Amino acid sequence: MAYKQITVAGGGVLGSQIAYQTAFKGFDVCVYEIDDKALERAKKRIMDLKPRYQKDLGASEEEVHSAYDRITFTSDLSKAVAEADLLIEAIPEVVDIKTDFYTKLGKVAPAKTVFATNSSTLLPSQFADATGRPEKFLALHFANEIWKNNTAEIMKHQGTDMNVFQEVIQFAKAIGMVALPLYKEQPGYILNSLLVPFLSAAQSLLAKEVADVETIDKTWMIATGAPQGPFAILDVVGLKTAFNIALAQAEATGDPESKKVADLLKTEYIDKGKRGKETGEGFYTYPHPSFMHPDFLKSE
């Protein structure tokens, strides 16, 4: 595995984590975003990761600052990939946006560059032709808070070169991940094949007014011993991502329940600036959400 220069397209919640974790493990990283405002948001997200690495991993000040110094930022796609050995795409979970991005990327990236999508639920074969290099394209999916939840699911499509597949597996290990190879396409990989139905069921219960957020989370936490309920998890994932998944499901299947969930997320949360933990409010208010209160699981 000869990868040295890594480009991360998209500096959102997970994209920023991928970039910083990669730099923390010694790689040179370039973060690409669509404009300067988005780049500033990405820089802040990455800066905010420094104390998390110190607290959770015991990293020194020198280590966290050196990692940041290995990251460059640009809104010029050609410059972003000029030297890239691997590009990891972490842009919105919308088919048209990803297709357009790969069409443009394939025209400006060097022939050596391998493309990997961090898509949560979409298949690499949906975009393989748009890349112009299907043999050098696959999925590389991370769990949120990757410095702690260090899984990396590497999923090939039918046209992925096996050497490329093995190279990306080695790269995942090199940045401190537990590499989990998937040899056959599966929407949602392993993690989200388990997680998304769980989170969707919780959102459906809320949309149908069966119970409120706290009651649903409390039920799950008490009954299973889990440290968080589905809505606490959704706040970390981000409500915009949850909305995109629900909307895509509604449009693909015509499922009225998914449409109801998407409408609820947009009108009651996203349109009101409640996008999750990152914005300070989602289903819960941060930094002191009610599910963290010592009495949350006690009977009233």
C-alpha atoms as a PDB file:
ATOM      1  CA  MET A   1       0.000   0.000   0.000  1.00  0.00           C
ATOM      2  CA  ALA A   2       1.781   3.108  -1.273  1.00  0.00           C
ATOM      3  CA  TYR A   3      -0.812   5.735  -0.409  1.00  0.00           C
ATOM      4  CA  LYS A   4       0.667   8.965   0.935  1.00  0.00           C
ATOM      5  CA  GLN A   5      -1.619  11.818  -0.116  1.00  0.00           C
ATOM      6  CA  ILE A   6      -5.290  11.480   0.820  1.00  0.00           C
ATOM      7  CA  THR A   7      -8.103  13.824  -0.218  1.00  0.00           C
ATOM      8  CA  VAL A   8     -11.385  13.956   1.677  1.00  0.00           C
ATOM      9  CA  ALA A   9     -14.283  15.488  -0.240  1.00  0.00           C
ATOM     10  CA  GLY A  10     -16.775  16.907   2.237  1.00  0.00           C
ATOM     11  CA  GLY A  11     -15.933  18.403   5.592  1.00  0.00           C
ATOM     12  CA  GLY A  12     -19.147  17.570   7.424  1.00  0.00           C
ATOM     13  CA  VAL A  13     -19.428  15.645  10.674  1.00  0.00           C
ATOM     14  CA  LEU A  14     -17.894  12.426   9.368  1.00  0.00           C
ATOM     15  CA  GLY A  15     -15.742  13.915   6.613  1.00  0.00           C
ATOM     16  CA  SER A  16     -13.935  16.092   9.153  1.00  0.00           C
ATOM     17  CA  GLN A  17     -13.348  13.059  11.364  1.00  0.00           C
ATOM     18  CA  ILE A  18     -11.986  11.006   8.470  1.00  0.00           C
ATOM     19  CA  ALA A  19      -9.613  13.816   7.523  1.00  0.00           C
ATOM     20  CA  TYR A  20      -8.315  14.344  11.048  1.00  0.00           C
ATOM     21  CA  GLN A  21      -7.953  10.645  11.878  1.00  0.00           C
ATOM     22  CA  THR A  22      -6.016  10.115   8.646  1.00  0.00           C
ATOM     23  CA  ALA A  23      -3.715  13.061   9.400  1.00  0.00           C
ATOM     24  CA  PHE A  24      -3.335  11.908  13.008  1.00  0.00           C
ATOM     25  CA  LYS A  25      -1.934   8.640  11.673  1.00  0.00           C
ATOM     26  CA  GLY A  26       0.699  10.475   9.633  1.00  0.00           C
ATOM     27  CA  PHE A  27      -0.823  10.944   6.171  1.00  0.00           C
ATOM     28  CA  ASP A  28      -0.941  14.243   4.293  1.00  0.00           C
ATOM     29  CA  VAL A  29      -4.587  15.202   3.822  1.00  0.00           C
ATOM     30  CA  CYS A  30      -6.417  17.722   1.676  1.00  0.00           C
ATOM     31  CA  VAL A  31     -10.012  18.613   2.539  1.00  0.00           C
ATOM     32  CA  TYR A  32     -12.196  19.712  -0.366  1.00  0.00           C
ATOM     33  CA  GLU A  33     -15.409  21.672   0.100  1.00  0.00           C
ATOM     34  CA  ILE A  34     -17.690  23.517  -2.299  1.00  0.00           C
ATOM     35  CA  ASP A  35     -16.898  27.039  -1.055  1.00  0.00           C
ATOM     36  CA  ASP A  36     -14.960  29.028   1.521  1.00  0.00           C
ATOM     37  CA  LYS A  37     -17.820  29.121   4.025  1.00  0.00           C
ATOM     38  CA  ALA A  38     -18.039  25.344   4.012  1.00  0.00           C
ATOM     39  CA  LEU A  39     -14.265  25.157   4.420  1.00  0.00           C
ATOM     40  CA  GLU A  40     -14.397  27.399   7.484  1.00  0.00           C
ATOM     41  CA  ARG A  41     -17.027  25.126   9.024  1.00  0.00           C
ATOM     42  CA  ALA A  42     -14.834  22.113   8.263  1.00  0.00           C
ATOM     43  CA  LYS A  43     -11.817  23.789   9.889  1.00  0.00           C
ATOM     44  CA  LYS A  44     -13.817  24.463  13.043  1.00  0.00           C
ATOM     45  CA  ARG A  45     -15.082  20.882  13.203  1.00  0.00           C
ATOM     46  CA  ILE A  46     -11.528  19.599  12.901  1.00  0.00           C
ATOM     47  CA  MET A  47     -10.176  22.046  15.474  1.00  0.00           C
ATOM     48  CA  ASP A  48     -12.890  20.870  17.857  1.00  0.00           C
ATOM     49  CA  LEU A  49     -11.603  17.300  17.518  1.00  0.00           C
ATOM     50  CA  LYS A  50      -8.255  18.126  19.120  1.00  0.00           C
ATOM     51  CA  PRO A  51      -9.487  18.068  22.740  1.00  0.00           C
ATOM     52  CA  ARG A  52     -11.503  14.910  22.017  1.00  0.00           C
ATOM     53  CA  TYR A  53      -8.320  13.117  20.954  1.00  0.00           C
ATOM     54  CA  GLN A  54      -6.521  14.372  24.048  1.00  0.00           C
ATOM     55  CA  LYS A  55      -9.329  13.259  26.347  1.00  0.00           C
ATOM     56  CA  ASP A  56     -10.263   9.957  24.687  1.00  0.00           C
ATOM     57  CA  LEU A  57      -6.891   8.791  23.356  1.00  0.00           C
ATOM     58  CA  GLY A  58      -4.464  10.538  25.671  1.00  0.00           C
ATOM     59  CA  ALA A  59      -2.891  12.353  22.719  1.00  0.00           C
ATOM     60  CA  SER A  60      -0.380  15.090  23.494  1.00  0.00           C
ATOM     61  CA  GLU A  61      -0.716  18.717  22.423  1.00  0.00           C
ATOM     62  CA  GLU A  62       2.128  18.218  19.978  1.00  0.00           C
ATOM     63  CA  GLU A  63       0.378  15.217  18.404  1.00  0.00           C
ATOM     64  CA  VAL A  64      -2.984  16.947  17.916  1.00  0.00           C
ATOM     65  CA  HIS A  65      -1.385  20.121  16.536  1.00  0.00           C
ATOM     66  CA  SER A  66       0.917  18.179  14.205  1.00  0.00           C
ATOM     67  CA  ALA A  67      -2.060  16.257  12.857  1.00  0.00           C
ATOM     68  CA  TYR A  68      -3.894  19.487  12.054  1.00  0.00           C
ATOM     69  CA  ASP A  69      -0.779  20.891  10.362  1.00  0.00           C
ATOM     70  CA  ARG A  70      -0.794  17.947   7.942  1.00  0.00           C
ATOM     71  CA  ILE A  71      -4.194  19.054   6.589  1.00  0.00           C
ATOM     72  CA  THR A  72      -4.701  21.555   3.774  1.00  0.00           C
ATOM     73  CA  PHE A  73      -8.009  23.004   2.605  1.00  0.00           C
ATOM     74  CA  THR A  74      -9.302  24.037  -0.805  1.00  0.00           C
ATOM     75  CA  SER A  75     -12.504  24.663  -2.743  1.00  0.00           C
ATOM     76  CA  ASP A  76     -10.748  23.953  -6.060  1.00  0.00           C
ATOM     77  CA  LEU A  77     -11.418  20.319  -6.992  1.00  0.00           C
ATOM     78  CA  SER A  78      -8.514  20.120  -9.451  1.00  0.00           C
ATOM     79  CA  LYS A  79      -6.049  21.287  -6.791  1.00  0.00           C
ATOM     80  CA  ALA A  80      -7.616  19.029  -4.180  1.00  0.00           C
ATOM     81  CA  VAL A  81      -6.877  15.863  -6.155  1.00  0.00           C
ATOM     82  CA  ALA A  82      -3.740  16.917  -8.047  1.00  0.00           C
ATOM     83  CA  GLU A  83      -1.513  14.621  -5.962  1.00  0.00           C
ATOM     84  CA  ALA A  84      -4.141  12.324  -4.444  1.00  0.00           C
ATOM     85  CA  ASP A  85      -3.486   8.604  -4.165  1.00  0.00           C
ATOM     86  CA  LEU A  86      -6.915   8.092  -2.618  1.00  0.00           C
ATOM     87  CA  LEU A  87     -10.009  10.293  -2.530  1.00  0.00           C
ATOM     88  CA  ILE A  88     -12.651   9.569   0.115  1.00  0.00           C
ATOM     89  CA  GLU A  89     -16.019  11.079  -0.716  1.00  0.00           C
ATOM     90  CA  ALA A  90     -18.189  12.155   2.223  1.00  0.00           C
ATOM     91  CA  ILE A  91     -20.696  14.499   0.570  1.00  0.00           C
ATOM     92  CA  PRO A  92     -24.505  14.561   1.060  1.00  0.00           C
ATOM     93  CA  GLU A  93     -26.419  11.299   0.755  1.00  0.00           C
ATOM     94  CA  VAL A  94     -28.202  12.379  -2.435  1.00  0.00           C
ATOM     95  CA  VAL A  95     -27.810  10.373  -5.650  1.00  0.00           C
ATOM     96  CA  ASP A  96     -27.810  13.349  -8.040  1.00  0.00           C
ATOM     97  CA  ILE A  97     -25.243  15.255  -5.975  1.00  0.00           C
ATOM     98  CA  LYS A  98     -22.906  12.275  -5.802  1.00  0.00           C
ATOM     99  CA  THR A  99     -23.318  11.438  -9.505  1.00  0.00           C
ATOM    100  CA  ASP A 100     -22.520  15.016 -10.516  1.00  0.00           C
ATOM    101  CA  PHE A 101     -19.515  15.079  -8.196  1.00  0.00           C
ATOM    102  CA  TYR A 102     -18.031  11.853  -9.588  1.00  0.00           C
ATOM    103  CA  THR A 103     -18.578  12.968 -13.157  1.00  0.00           C
ATOM    104  CA  LYS A 104     -16.553  16.123 -12.467  1.00  0.00           C
ATOM    105  CA  LEU A 105     -13.997  14.323 -10.322  1.00  0.00           C
ATOM    106  CA  GLY A 106     -13.245  11.694 -12.949  1.00  0.00           C
ATOM    107  CA  LYS A 107     -12.259  14.414 -15.421  1.00  0.00           C
ATOM    108  CA  VAL A 108      -9.718  16.163 -13.178  1.00  0.00           C
ATOM    109  CA  ALA A 109      -8.224  13.424 -10.974  1.00  0.00           C
ATOM    110  CA  PRO A 110      -4.923  11.771 -11.968  1.00  0.00           C
ATOM    111  CA  ALA A 111      -5.157   8.262 -13.398  1.00  0.00           C
ATOM    112  CA  LYS A 112      -3.560   6.841 -10.228  1.00  0.00           C
ATOM    113  CA  THR A 113      -6.256   8.130  -7.876  1.00  0.00           C
ATOM    114  CA  VAL A 114      -8.537   5.566  -6.254  1.00  0.00           C
ATOM    115  CA  PHE A 115     -12.047   6.778  -5.357  1.00  0.00           C
ATOM    116  CA  ALA A 116     -13.911   5.593  -2.267  1.00  0.00           C
ATOM    117  CA  THR A 117     -17.405   6.567  -1.184  1.00  0.00           C
ATOM    118  CA  ASN A 118     -18.348   6.844   2.476  1.00  0.00           C
ATOM    119  CA  SER A 119     -22.038   6.630   1.567  1.00  0.00           C
ATOM    120  CA  SER A 120     -24.171   5.330   4.418  1.00  0.00           C
ATOM    121  CA  THR A 121     -26.761   3.427   2.383  1.00  0.00           C
ATOM    122  CA  LEU A 122     -26.078   3.807  -1.353  1.00  0.00           C
ATOM    123  CA  LEU A 123     -24.231   1.225  -3.441  1.00  0.00           C
ATOM    124  CA  PRO A 124     -20.910   1.887  -5.218  1.00  0.00           C
ATOM    125  CA  SER A 125     -22.313   0.340  -8.409  1.00  0.00           C
ATOM    126  CA  GLN A 126     -24.772   3.270  -8.580  1.00  0.00           C
ATOM    127  CA  PHE A 127     -21.849   5.617  -9.277  1.00  0.00           C
ATOM    128  CA  ALA A 128     -19.198   3.361 -10.809  1.00  0.00           C
ATOM    129  CA  ASP A 129     -19.835   4.445 -14.399  1.00  0.00           C
ATOM    130  CA  ALA A 130     -19.898   8.131 -13.455  1.00  0.00           C
ATOM    131  CA  THR A 131     -16.372   7.850 -12.000  1.00  0.00           C
ATOM    132  CA  GLY A 132     -14.878   6.846 -15.354  1.00  0.00           C
ATOM    133  CA  ARG A 133     -12.706   4.335 -13.464  1.00  0.00           C
ATOM    134  CA  PRO A 134     -15.003   1.665 -12.023  1.00  0.00           C
ATOM    135  CA  GLU A 135     -12.093  -0.685 -11.362  1.00  0.00           C
ATOM    136  CA  LYS A 136     -10.611   1.921  -8.970  1.00  0.00           C
ATOM    137  CA  PHE A 137     -13.839   2.648  -7.137  1.00  0.00           C
ATOM    138  CA  LEU A 138     -15.354   1.089  -4.022  1.00  0.00           C
ATOM    139  CA  ALA A 139     -17.005   1.957  -0.697  1.00  0.00           C
ATOM    140  CA  LEU A 140     -15.157   2.795   2.511  1.00  0.00           C
ATOM    141  CA  HIS A 141     -17.567   3.385   5.371  1.00  0.00           C
ATOM    142  CA  PHE A 142     -16.745   4.613   8.875  1.00  0.00           C
ATOM    143  CA  ALA A 143     -18.759   4.761  12.081  1.00  0.00           C
ATOM    144  CA  ASN A 144     -19.255   8.123  13.766  1.00  0.00           C
ATOM    145  CA  GLU A 145     -16.560   9.134  16.285  1.00  0.00           C
ATOM    146  CA  ILE A 146     -14.098   7.030  14.360  1.00  0.00           C
ATOM    147  CA  TRP A 147     -11.214   7.553  16.767  1.00  0.00           C
ATOM    148  CA  LYS A 148     -13.213   5.454  19.278  1.00  0.00           C
ATOM    149  CA  ASN A 149     -15.644   3.463  17.122  1.00  0.00           C
ATOM    150  CA  ASN A 150     -12.880   2.433  14.780  1.00  0.00           C
ATOM    151  CA  THR A 151     -14.595   0.245  12.220  1.00  0.00           C
ATOM    152  CA  ALA A 152     -13.991   0.602   8.498  1.00  0.00           C
ATOM    153  CA  GLU A 153     -16.225  -1.373   6.148  1.00  0.00           C
ATOM    154  CA  ILE A 154     -14.586  -1.846   2.761  1.00  0.00           C
ATOM    155  CA  MET A 155     -17.126  -2.937   0.169  1.00  0.00           C
ATOM    156  CA  LYS A 156     -16.322  -3.745  -3.450  1.00  0.00           C
ATOM    157  CA  HIS A 157     -18.691  -3.758  -6.380  1.00  0.00           C
ATOM    158  CA  GLN A 158     -18.537  -6.265  -9.207  1.00  0.00           C
ATOM    159  CA  GLY A 159     -16.047  -4.214 -11.204  1.00  0.00           C
ATOM    160  CA  THR A 160     -13.622  -3.300  -8.410  1.00  0.00           C
ATOM    161  CA  ASP A 161     -10.068  -4.483  -8.996  1.00  0.00           C
ATOM    162  CA  MET A 162      -9.111  -6.917  -6.215  1.00  0.00           C
ATOM    163  CA  ASN A 163      -5.696  -5.278  -5.842  1.00  0.00           C
ATOM    164  CA  VAL A 164      -7.399  -1.945  -5.189  1.00  0.00           C
ATOM    165  CA  PHE A 165      -9.714  -3.650  -2.708  1.00  0.00           C
ATOM    166  CA  GLN A 166      -6.743  -5.063  -0.792  1.00  0.00           C
ATOM    167  CA  GLU A 167      -4.912  -1.724  -0.900  1.00  0.00           C
ATOM    168  CA  VAL A 168      -7.841   0.084   0.700  1.00  0.00           C
ATOM    169  CA  ILE A 169      -8.098  -2.612   3.369  1.00  0.00           C
ATOM    170  CA  GLN A 170      -4.434  -1.969   4.202  1.00  0.00           C
ATOM    171  CA  PHE A 171      -5.031   1.788   4.234  1.00  0.00           C
ATOM    172  CA  ALA A 172      -7.918   1.359   6.688  1.00  0.00           C
ATOM    173  CA  LYS A 173      -5.616  -0.572   9.010  1.00  0.00           C
ATOM    174  CA  ALA A 174      -2.917   2.076   8.618  1.00  0.00           C
ATOM    175  CA  ILE A 175      -5.219   4.772   9.995  1.00  0.00           C
ATOM    176  CA  GLY A 176      -6.099   2.705  13.050  1.00  0.00           C
ATOM    177  CA  MET A 177      -9.312   1.068  11.891  1.00  0.00           C
ATOM    178  CA  VAL A 178     -10.496  -2.495  12.266  1.00  0.00           C
ATOM    179  CA  ALA A 179     -10.891  -3.368   8.589  1.00  0.00           C
ATOM    180  CA  LEU A 180     -14.097  -5.234   7.728  1.00  0.00           C
ATOM    181  CA  PRO A 181     -14.070  -6.466   4.107  1.00  0.00           C
ATOM    182  CA  LEU A 182     -17.394  -6.974   2.284  1.00  0.00           C
ATOM    183  CA  TYR A 183     -17.064  -8.977  -0.906  1.00  0.00           C
ATOM    184  CA  LYS A 184     -20.606  -8.406  -2.124  1.00  0.00           C
ATOM    185  CA  GLU A 185     -22.648  -5.219  -2.311  1.00  0.00           C
ATOM    186  CA  GLN A 186     -25.150  -4.711   0.466  1.00  0.00           C
ATOM    187  CA  PRO A 187     -27.149  -1.503   0.966  1.00  0.00           C
ATOM    188  CA  GLY A 188     -26.063  -0.168   4.340  1.00  0.00           C
ATOM    189  CA  TYR A 189     -23.083  -2.528   4.578  1.00  0.00           C
ATOM    190  CA  ILE A 190     -23.139  -4.476   7.870  1.00  0.00           C
ATOM    191  CA  LEU A 191     -23.408  -1.624  10.381  1.00  0.00           C
ATOM    192  CA  ASN A 192     -26.208   0.342   8.751  1.00  0.00           C
ATOM    193  CA  SER A 193     -28.063  -2.803   7.704  1.00  0.00           C
ATOM    194  CA  LEU A 194     -28.514  -3.231  11.446  1.00  0.00           C
ATOM    195  CA  LEU A 195     -28.643   0.413  12.541  1.00  0.00           C
ATOM    196  CA  VAL A 196     -30.827   2.147   9.925  1.00  0.00           C
ATOM    197  CA  PRO A 197     -33.930  -0.050  10.425  1.00  0.00           C
ATOM    198  CA  PHE A 198     -33.582   0.501  14.182  1.00  0.00           C
ATOM    199  CA  LEU A 199     -33.373   4.286  13.800  1.00  0.00           C
ATOM    200  CA  SER A 200     -36.136   4.300  11.177  1.00  0.00           C
ATOM    201  CA  ALA A 201     -38.449   2.377  13.493  1.00  0.00           C
ATOM    202  CA  ALA A 202     -37.890   4.948  16.239  1.00  0.00           C
ATOM    203  CA  GLN A 203     -38.568   7.858  13.873  1.00  0.00           C
ATOM    204  CA  SER A 204     -41.713   6.134  12.626  1.00  0.00           C
ATOM    205  CA  LEU A 205     -42.985   5.761  16.196  1.00  0.00           C
ATOM    206  CA  LEU A 206     -42.457   9.490  16.704  1.00  0.00           C
ATOM    207  CA  ALA A 207     -44.030  10.488  13.373  1.00  0.00           C
ATOM    208  CA  LYS A 208     -47.104   8.370  14.137  1.00  0.00           C
ATOM    209  CA  GLU A 209     -47.314  10.016  17.584  1.00  0.00           C
ATOM    210  CA  VAL A 210     -47.096   6.670  19.361  1.00  0.00           C
ATOM    211  CA  ALA A 211     -44.744   8.148  21.963  1.00  0.00           C
ATOM    212  CA  ASP A 212     -42.388  11.078  22.451  1.00  0.00           C
ATOM    213  CA  VAL A 213     -38.627  11.164  21.994  1.00  0.00           C
ATOM    214  CA  GLU A 214     -37.697  10.659  25.638  1.00  0.00           C
ATOM    215  CA  THR A 215     -40.145   7.794  26.175  1.00  0.00           C
ATOM    216  CA  ILE A 216     -38.853   5.916  23.121  1.00  0.00           C
ATOM    217  CA  ASP A 217     -35.220   6.366  24.147  1.00  0.00           C
ATOM    218  CA  LYS A 218     -35.967   5.497  27.756  1.00  0.00           C
ATOM    219  CA  THR A 219     -37.690   2.290  26.671  1.00  0.00           C
ATOM    220  CA  TRP A 220     -34.685   1.158  24.666  1.00  0.00           C
ATOM    221  CA  MET A 221     -32.129   2.116  27.295  1.00  0.00           C
ATOM    222  CA  ILE A 222     -33.902   0.409  30.197  1.00  0.00           C
ATOM    223  CA  ALA A 223     -34.903  -2.724  28.295  1.00  0.00           C
ATOM    224  CA  THR A 224     -31.518  -3.366  26.670  1.00  0.00           C
ATOM    225  CA  GLY A 225     -29.019  -1.645  28.949  1.00  0.00           C
ATOM    226  CA  ALA A 226     -27.822   0.502  26.041  1.00  0.00           C
ATOM    227  CA  PRO A 227     -26.101   3.781  26.990  1.00  0.00           C
ATOM    228  CA  GLN A 228     -28.134   5.739  24.426  1.00  0.00           C
ATOM    229  CA  GLY A 229     -31.485   5.503  22.717  1.00  0.00           C
ATOM    230  CA  PRO A 230     -32.153   5.914  18.984  1.00  0.00           C
ATOM    231  CA  PHE A 231     -32.808   9.670  19.123  1.00  0.00           C
ATOM    232  CA  ALA A 232     -29.586  10.338  21.026  1.00  0.00           C
ATOM    233  CA  ILE A 233     -27.802   8.374  18.285  1.00  0.00           C
ATOM    234  CA  LEU A 234     -29.606  10.353  15.580  1.00  0.00           C
ATOM    235  CA  ASP A 235     -28.419  13.606  17.142  1.00  0.00           C
ATOM    236  CA  VAL A 236     -24.832  12.413  16.691  1.00  0.00           C
ATOM    237  CA  VAL A 237     -25.438  11.167  13.149  1.00  0.00           C
ATOM    238  CA  GLY A 238     -27.112  14.477  12.245  1.00  0.00           C
ATOM    239  CA  LEU A 239     -30.743  15.077  11.357  1.00  0.00           C
ATOM    240  CA  LYS A 240     -29.905  16.198   7.820  1.00  0.00           C
ATOM    241  CA  THR A 241     -28.429  12.776   7.097  1.00  0.00           C
ATOM    242  CA  ALA A 242     -31.491  11.111   8.630  1.00  0.00           C
ATOM    243  CA  PHE A 243     -33.728  13.320   6.498  1.00  0.00           C
ATOM    244  CA  ASN A 244     -31.845  12.486   3.291  1.00  0.00           C
ATOM    245  CA  ILE A 245     -32.140   8.764   4.009  1.00  0.00           C
ATOM    246  CA  ALA A 246     -35.871   8.995   4.791  1.00  0.00           C
ATOM    247  CA  LEU A 247     -36.538  11.125   1.712  1.00  0.00           C
ATOM    248  CA  ALA A 248     -34.580   8.791  -0.567  1.00  0.00           C
ATOM    249  CA  GLN A 249     -36.531   5.835   0.818  1.00  0.00           C
ATOM    250  CA  ALA A 250     -39.826   7.647   0.274  1.00  0.00           C
ATOM    251  CA  GLU A 251     -38.959   8.599  -3.309  1.00  0.00           C
ATOM    252  CA  ALA A 252     -37.647   5.138  -4.177  1.00  0.00           C
ATOM    253  CA  THR A 253     -40.533   3.144  -2.723  1.00  0.00           C
ATOM    254  CA  GLY A 254     -43.436   5.556  -2.393  1.00  0.00           C
ATOM    255  CA  ASP A 255     -43.672   4.541   1.250  1.00  0.00           C
ATOM    256  CA  PRO A 256     -45.969   7.053   3.008  1.00  0.00           C
ATOM    257  CA  GLU A 257     -44.384   6.339   6.401  1.00  0.00           C
ATOM    258  CA  SER A 258     -40.937   7.356   5.150  1.00  0.00           C
ATOM    259  CA  LYS A 259     -42.459  10.500   3.631  1.00  0.00           C
ATOM    260  CA  LYS A 260     -44.080  11.322   6.972  1.00  0.00           C
ATOM    261  CA  VAL A 261     -40.746  10.921   8.755  1.00  0.00           C
ATOM    262  CA  ALA A 262     -38.949  13.114   6.191  1.00  0.00           C
ATOM    263  CA  ASP A 263     -41.611  15.831   6.506  1.00  0.00           C
ATOM    264  CA  LEU A 264     -41.405  15.743  10.309  1.00  0.00           C
ATOM    265  CA  LEU A 265     -37.620  16.029  10.324  1.00  0.00           C
ATOM    266  CA  LYS A 266     -37.685  18.957   7.911  1.00  0.00           C
ATOM    267  CA  THR A 267     -40.506  21.056   9.351  1.00  0.00           C
ATOM    268  CA  GLU A 268     -40.069  20.429  13.069  1.00  0.00           C
ATOM    269  CA  TYR A 269     -36.304  20.197  13.287  1.00  0.00           C
ATOM    270  CA  ILE A 270     -34.111  21.055  10.284  1.00  0.00           C
ATOM    271  CA  ASP A 271     -36.044  24.188   9.246  1.00  0.00           C
ATOM    272  CA  LYS A 272     -35.782  25.387  12.850  1.00  0.00           C
ATOM    273  CA  GLY A 273     -32.018  24.933  12.959  1.00  0.00           C
ATOM    274  CA  LYS A 274     -32.229  21.770  15.056  1.00  0.00           C
ATOM    275  CA  ARG A 275     -29.796  19.576  13.155  1.00  0.00           C
ATOM    276  CA  GLY A 276     -28.336  17.530  15.965  1.00  0.00           C
ATOM    277  CA  LYS A 277     -25.555  17.614  18.516  1.00  0.00           C
ATOM    278  CA  GLU A 278     -23.245  19.637  16.276  1.00  0.00           C
ATOM    279  CA  THR A 279     -25.634  22.622  16.252  1.00  0.00           C
ATOM    280  CA  GLY A 280     -26.412  22.374  19.953  1.00  0.00           C
ATOM    281  CA  GLU A 281     -29.937  21.097  19.462  1.00  0.00           C
ATOM    282  CA  GLY A 282     -31.684  18.248  17.715  1.00  0.00           C
ATOM    283  CA  PHE A 283     -34.016  15.889  19.481  1.00  0.00           C
ATOM    284  CA  TYR A 284     -32.168  16.935  22.639  1.00  0.00           C
ATOM    285  CA  THR A 285     -30.459  20.156  23.750  1.00  0.00           C
ATOM    286  CA  TYR A 286     -26.683  20.140  24.291  1.00  0.00           C
ATOM    287  CA  PRO A 287     -24.274  20.124  26.072  1.00  0.00           C
ATOM    288  CA  HIS A 288     -26.576  18.780  28.806  1.00  0.00           C
ATOM    289  CA  PRO A 289     -29.175  16.522  27.137  1.00  0.00           C
ATOM    290  CA  SER A 290     -31.863  15.116  29.386  1.00  0.00           C
ATOM    291  CA  PHE A 291     -30.878  11.487  28.662  1.00  0.00           C
ATOM    292  CA  MET A 292     -27.588  12.162  30.469  1.00  0.00           C
ATOM    293  CA  HIS A 293     -29.379  13.232  33.637  1.00  0.00           C
ATOM    294  CA  PRO A 294     -28.942  10.748  36.517  1.00  0.00           C
ATOM    295  CA  ASP A 295     -32.730  10.528  36.980  1.00  0.00           C
ATOM    296  CA  PHE A 296     -33.591   9.976  33.308  1.00  0.00           C
ATOM    297  CA  LEU A 297     -34.146   6.236  33.681  1.00  0.00           C
ATOM    298  CA  LYS A 298     -35.886   6.413  37.037  1.00  0.00           C
ATOM    299  CA  SER A 299     -39.639   6.138  37.412  1.00  0.00           C
ATOM    300  CA  GLU A 300     -41.386   9.406  38.151  1.00  0.00           C
END
